[in-house]
Amino acid sequence: GPFANVYDLGNLVEEGPENARVARIPVPNSPELEARRRMGAGGIRGYHDFYVAYHPDSGQDRFYGGGAGGYYVYDITDLDSPE
């Protein structure tokens, strides 16, 4: 789907896979993908490379992801509301 799943490995080990997913990071719709769809070329919304890291200058947990429509950075300190 048009998102990246975030898993808590502690939940996975202690409770099993049914409780491991804790959030989804959205893939924004982009003008490039919309243009490809209009031309009939399709376009899959998704990330091809991504990682999460702590950003010490801001004190945020950040998601960095490259996808078909560009490169995106989200503040995921609050997993319920990625910005």
N, C-alpha and C. Protein backbone atom coordinates (compact mmCIF):
# COMPACT_ATOMS: atom_id res chain seq x y z
N GLY A 1 0.81 -1.18 0.00
CA GLY A 1 0.00 0.00 0.00
C GLY A 1 0.85 1.25 0.00
N PRO A 2 0.22 2.38 -0.03
CA PRO A 2 0.96 3.65 -0.08
C PRO A 2 1.46 4.10 1.30
N PHE A 3 2.23 3.25 1.95
CA PHE A 3 2.75 3.57 3.26
C PHE A 3 3.89 2.62 3.60
N ALA A 4 4.64 2.97 4.63
CA ALA A 4 5.66 2.08 5.19
C ALA A 4 5.19 1.67 6.58
N ASN A 5 5.25 0.40 6.88
CA ASN A 5 4.87 -0.09 8.19
C ASN A 5 6.00 0.12 9.19
N VAL A 6 5.64 0.45 10.43
CA VAL A 6 6.61 0.59 11.52
C VAL A 6 6.29 -0.49 12.55
N TYR A 7 7.30 -1.27 12.90
CA TYR A 7 7.13 -2.38 13.84
C TYR A 7 7.92 -2.15 15.11
N ASP A 8 7.38 -2.59 16.22
CA ASP A 8 8.07 -2.57 17.51
C ASP A 8 8.61 -3.98 17.74
N LEU A 9 9.93 -4.14 17.68
CA LEU A 9 10.51 -5.47 17.81
C LEU A 9 10.29 -6.06 19.19
N GLY A 10 10.19 -5.21 20.21
CA GLY A 10 9.86 -5.72 21.55
C GLY A 10 8.49 -6.38 21.56
N ASN A 11 7.51 -5.74 20.92
CA ASN A 11 6.18 -6.34 20.81
C ASN A 11 6.22 -7.63 20.01
N LEU A 12 7.01 -7.65 18.95
CA LEU A 12 7.11 -8.85 18.12
C LEU A 12 7.62 -10.02 18.94
N VAL A 13 8.69 -9.80 19.70
CA VAL A 13 9.29 -10.88 20.49
C VAL A 13 8.38 -11.31 21.64
N GLU A 14 7.80 -10.34 22.33
CA GLU A 14 7.03 -10.65 23.53
C GLU A 14 5.59 -11.06 23.26
N GLU A 15 4.97 -10.48 22.21
CA GLU A 15 3.54 -10.70 21.99
C GLU A 15 3.21 -11.37 20.67
N GLY A 16 4.16 -11.43 19.76
CA GLY A 16 3.91 -12.04 18.46
C GLY A 16 3.62 -11.02 17.39
N PRO A 17 3.55 -11.47 16.15
CA PRO A 17 3.42 -10.55 15.01
C PRO A 17 2.11 -9.78 14.95
N GLU A 18 1.05 -10.31 15.55
CA GLU A 18 -0.24 -9.62 15.46
C GLU A 18 -0.25 -8.28 16.19
N ASN A 19 0.68 -8.06 17.12
CA ASN A 19 0.74 -6.79 17.85
C ASN A 19 2.01 -5.99 17.57
N ALA A 20 2.74 -6.39 16.56
CA ALA A 20 4.05 -5.77 16.31
C ALA A 20 3.95 -4.44 15.55
N ARG A 21 2.99 -4.32 14.62
CA ARG A 21 2.90 -3.06 13.86
C ARG A 21 2.33 -1.96 14.74
N VAL A 22 3.08 -0.85 14.82
CA VAL A 22 2.66 0.26 15.69
C VAL A 22 2.28 1.52 14.92
N ALA A 23 2.62 1.59 13.64
CA ALA A 23 2.30 2.80 12.87
C ALA A 23 2.47 2.54 11.38
N ARG A 24 1.96 3.48 10.60
CA ARG A 24 2.16 3.51 9.15
C ARG A 24 2.59 4.92 8.77
N ILE A 25 3.65 5.00 7.97
CA ILE A 25 4.14 6.29 7.48
C ILE A 25 3.61 6.44 6.05
N PRO A 26 2.85 7.50 5.77
CA PRO A 26 2.24 7.63 4.44
C PRO A 26 3.26 7.98 3.36
N VAL A 27 2.91 7.61 2.13
CA VAL A 27 3.65 8.04 0.95
C VAL A 27 2.81 9.14 0.31
N PRO A 28 3.32 10.37 0.26
CA PRO A 28 2.53 11.45 -0.33
C PRO A 28 2.29 11.22 -1.82
N ASN A 29 1.17 11.69 -2.28
CA ASN A 29 0.93 11.69 -3.72
C ASN A 29 1.75 12.85 -4.29
N SER A 30 2.37 12.65 -5.43
CA SER A 30 3.22 13.70 -5.99
C SER A 30 2.78 14.05 -7.39
N PRO A 31 3.10 15.25 -7.87
CA PRO A 31 2.77 15.64 -9.24
C PRO A 31 3.41 14.70 -10.27
N GLU A 32 4.61 14.19 -9.97
CA GLU A 32 5.27 13.29 -10.90
C GLU A 32 4.48 11.99 -11.08
N LEU A 33 4.01 11.43 -9.98
CA LEU A 33 3.22 10.21 -10.07
C LEU A 33 1.89 10.45 -10.76
N GLU A 34 1.26 11.57 -10.47
CA GLU A 34 -0.01 11.89 -11.14
C GLU A 34 0.20 12.05 -12.64
N ALA A 35 1.28 12.68 -13.05
CA ALA A 35 1.57 12.85 -14.48
C ALA A 35 1.79 11.49 -15.14
N ARG A 36 2.49 10.60 -14.49
CA ARG A 36 2.72 9.25 -15.04
C ARG A 36 1.40 8.50 -15.19
N ARG A 37 0.52 8.64 -14.21
CA ARG A 37 -0.78 7.97 -14.29
C ARG A 37 -1.60 8.51 -15.45
N ARG A 38 -1.58 9.84 -15.64
CA ARG A 38 -2.35 10.44 -16.74
C ARG A 38 -1.83 9.97 -18.09
N MET A 39 -0.54 9.71 -18.19
CA MET A 39 0.05 9.25 -19.45
C MET A 39 -0.10 7.74 -19.64
N GLY A 40 -0.71 7.08 -18.66
CA GLY A 40 -0.91 5.64 -18.76
C GLY A 40 0.29 4.82 -18.35
N ALA A 41 1.30 5.46 -17.77
CA ALA A 41 2.51 4.74 -17.39
C ALA A 41 2.38 4.09 -16.03
N GLY A 42 1.28 4.33 -15.36
CA GLY A 42 1.13 3.77 -14.02
C GLY A 42 1.98 4.52 -13.03
N GLY A 43 2.30 3.88 -12.04
CA GLY A 43 3.11 4.49 -10.99
C GLY A 43 2.75 3.87 -9.66
N ILE A 44 3.69 3.27 -9.07
CA ILE A 44 3.46 2.62 -7.79
C ILE A 44 3.88 3.55 -6.68
N ARG A 45 2.96 3.84 -5.79
CA ARG A 45 3.29 4.66 -4.63
C ARG A 45 3.88 3.75 -3.57
N GLY A 46 5.11 4.02 -3.23
CA GLY A 46 5.78 3.22 -2.21
C GLY A 46 7.20 3.70 -2.04
N TYR A 47 7.83 3.24 -0.99
CA TYR A 47 9.23 3.58 -0.75
C TYR A 47 10.11 2.45 -1.26
N HIS A 48 11.27 2.82 -1.83
CA HIS A 48 12.22 1.78 -2.23
C HIS A 48 13.37 1.69 -1.26
N ASP A 49 13.67 2.73 -0.54
CA ASP A 49 14.69 2.73 0.51
C ASP A 49 14.24 3.65 1.62
N PHE A 50 14.42 3.23 2.86
CA PHE A 50 14.07 4.11 3.97
C PHE A 50 14.75 3.65 5.25
N TYR A 51 14.84 4.57 6.18
CA TYR A 51 15.36 4.24 7.51
C TYR A 51 14.85 5.26 8.51
N VAL A 52 14.95 4.90 9.78
CA VAL A 52 14.54 5.76 10.88
C VAL A 52 15.76 6.03 11.75
N ALA A 53 15.91 7.28 12.17
CA ALA A 53 17.05 7.65 13.01
C ALA A 53 16.66 8.80 13.93
N TYR A 54 17.37 8.88 15.03
CA TYR A 54 17.21 10.00 15.95
C TYR A 54 18.01 11.18 15.41
N HIS A 55 17.39 12.37 15.40
CA HIS A 55 18.04 13.58 14.92
C HIS A 55 18.40 14.43 16.13
N PRO A 56 19.68 14.42 16.57
CA PRO A 56 20.05 15.08 17.83
C PRO A 56 19.86 16.59 17.84
N ASP A 57 20.01 17.25 16.69
CA ASP A 57 19.86 18.71 16.66
C ASP A 57 18.44 19.15 16.97
N SER A 58 17.45 18.34 16.55
CA SER A 58 16.05 18.71 16.76
C SER A 58 15.40 17.93 17.90
N GLY A 59 16.03 16.83 18.32
CA GLY A 59 15.42 15.98 19.34
C GLY A 59 14.29 15.13 18.80
N GLN A 60 14.22 14.97 17.49
CA GLN A 60 13.13 14.23 16.84
C GLN A 60 13.61 12.85 16.40
N ASP A 61 12.65 11.93 16.34
CA ASP A 61 12.85 10.68 15.62
C ASP A 61 12.38 10.96 14.20
N ARG A 62 13.20 10.64 13.22
CA ARG A 62 12.85 10.97 11.84
C ARG A 62 12.86 9.74 10.94
N PHE A 63 11.93 9.77 10.00
CA PHE A 63 11.84 8.77 8.95
C PHE A 63 12.37 9.42 7.69
N TYR A 64 13.29 8.75 7.02
CA TYR A 64 13.85 9.22 5.75
C TYR A 64 13.51 8.17 4.70
N GLY A 65 12.79 8.58 3.64
CA GLY A 65 12.38 7.59 2.65
C GLY A 65 12.42 8.11 1.24
N GLY A 66 12.99 7.31 0.35
CA GLY A 66 12.99 7.61 -1.08
C GLY A 66 11.94 6.76 -1.77
N GLY A 67 11.18 7.40 -2.64
CA GLY A 67 10.14 6.68 -3.36
C GLY A 67 10.04 7.19 -4.78
N ALA A 68 9.05 6.68 -5.50
CA ALA A 68 8.89 7.03 -6.90
C ALA A 68 8.64 8.52 -7.10
N GLY A 69 8.04 9.19 -6.13
CA GLY A 69 7.72 10.60 -6.29
C GLY A 69 8.70 11.55 -5.64
N GLY A 70 9.77 11.05 -5.04
CA GLY A 70 10.73 11.94 -4.41
C GLY A 70 11.32 11.36 -3.15
N TYR A 71 11.95 12.23 -2.37
CA TYR A 71 12.57 11.84 -1.11
C TYR A 71 11.84 12.58 0.01
N TYR A 72 11.44 11.86 1.05
CA TYR A 72 10.59 12.43 2.08
C TYR A 72 11.21 12.26 3.46
N VAL A 73 11.02 13.26 4.30
CA VAL A 73 11.47 13.21 5.69
C VAL A 73 10.27 13.53 6.57
N TYR A 74 10.00 12.66 7.52
CA TYR A 74 8.90 12.87 8.46
C TYR A 74 9.44 12.90 9.88
N ASP A 75 8.88 13.77 10.70
CA ASP A 75 9.08 13.72 12.15
C ASP A 75 8.12 12.66 12.65
N ILE A 76 8.66 11.56 13.17
CA ILE A 76 7.80 10.48 13.66
C ILE A 76 7.91 10.32 15.17
N THR A 77 8.31 11.38 15.85
CA THR A 77 8.40 11.33 17.31
C THR A 77 7.07 10.88 17.89
N ASP A 78 5.97 11.38 17.34
CA ASP A 78 4.62 10.91 17.69
C ASP A 78 4.17 10.02 16.54
N LEU A 79 4.26 8.71 16.72
CA LEU A 79 3.94 7.77 15.64
C LEU A 79 2.50 7.87 15.17
N ASP A 80 1.61 8.37 16.01
CA ASP A 80 0.22 8.51 15.61
C ASP A 80 -0.01 9.69 14.68
N SER A 81 0.95 10.61 14.61
CA SER A 81 0.81 11.81 13.78
C SER A 81 2.12 12.17 13.10
N PRO A 82 2.57 11.36 12.13
CA PRO A 82 3.81 11.72 11.43
C PRO A 82 3.65 13.04 10.69
N GLU A 83 4.67 13.88 10.77
CA GLU A 83 4.61 15.19 10.11
C GLU A 83 5.72 15.31 9.10
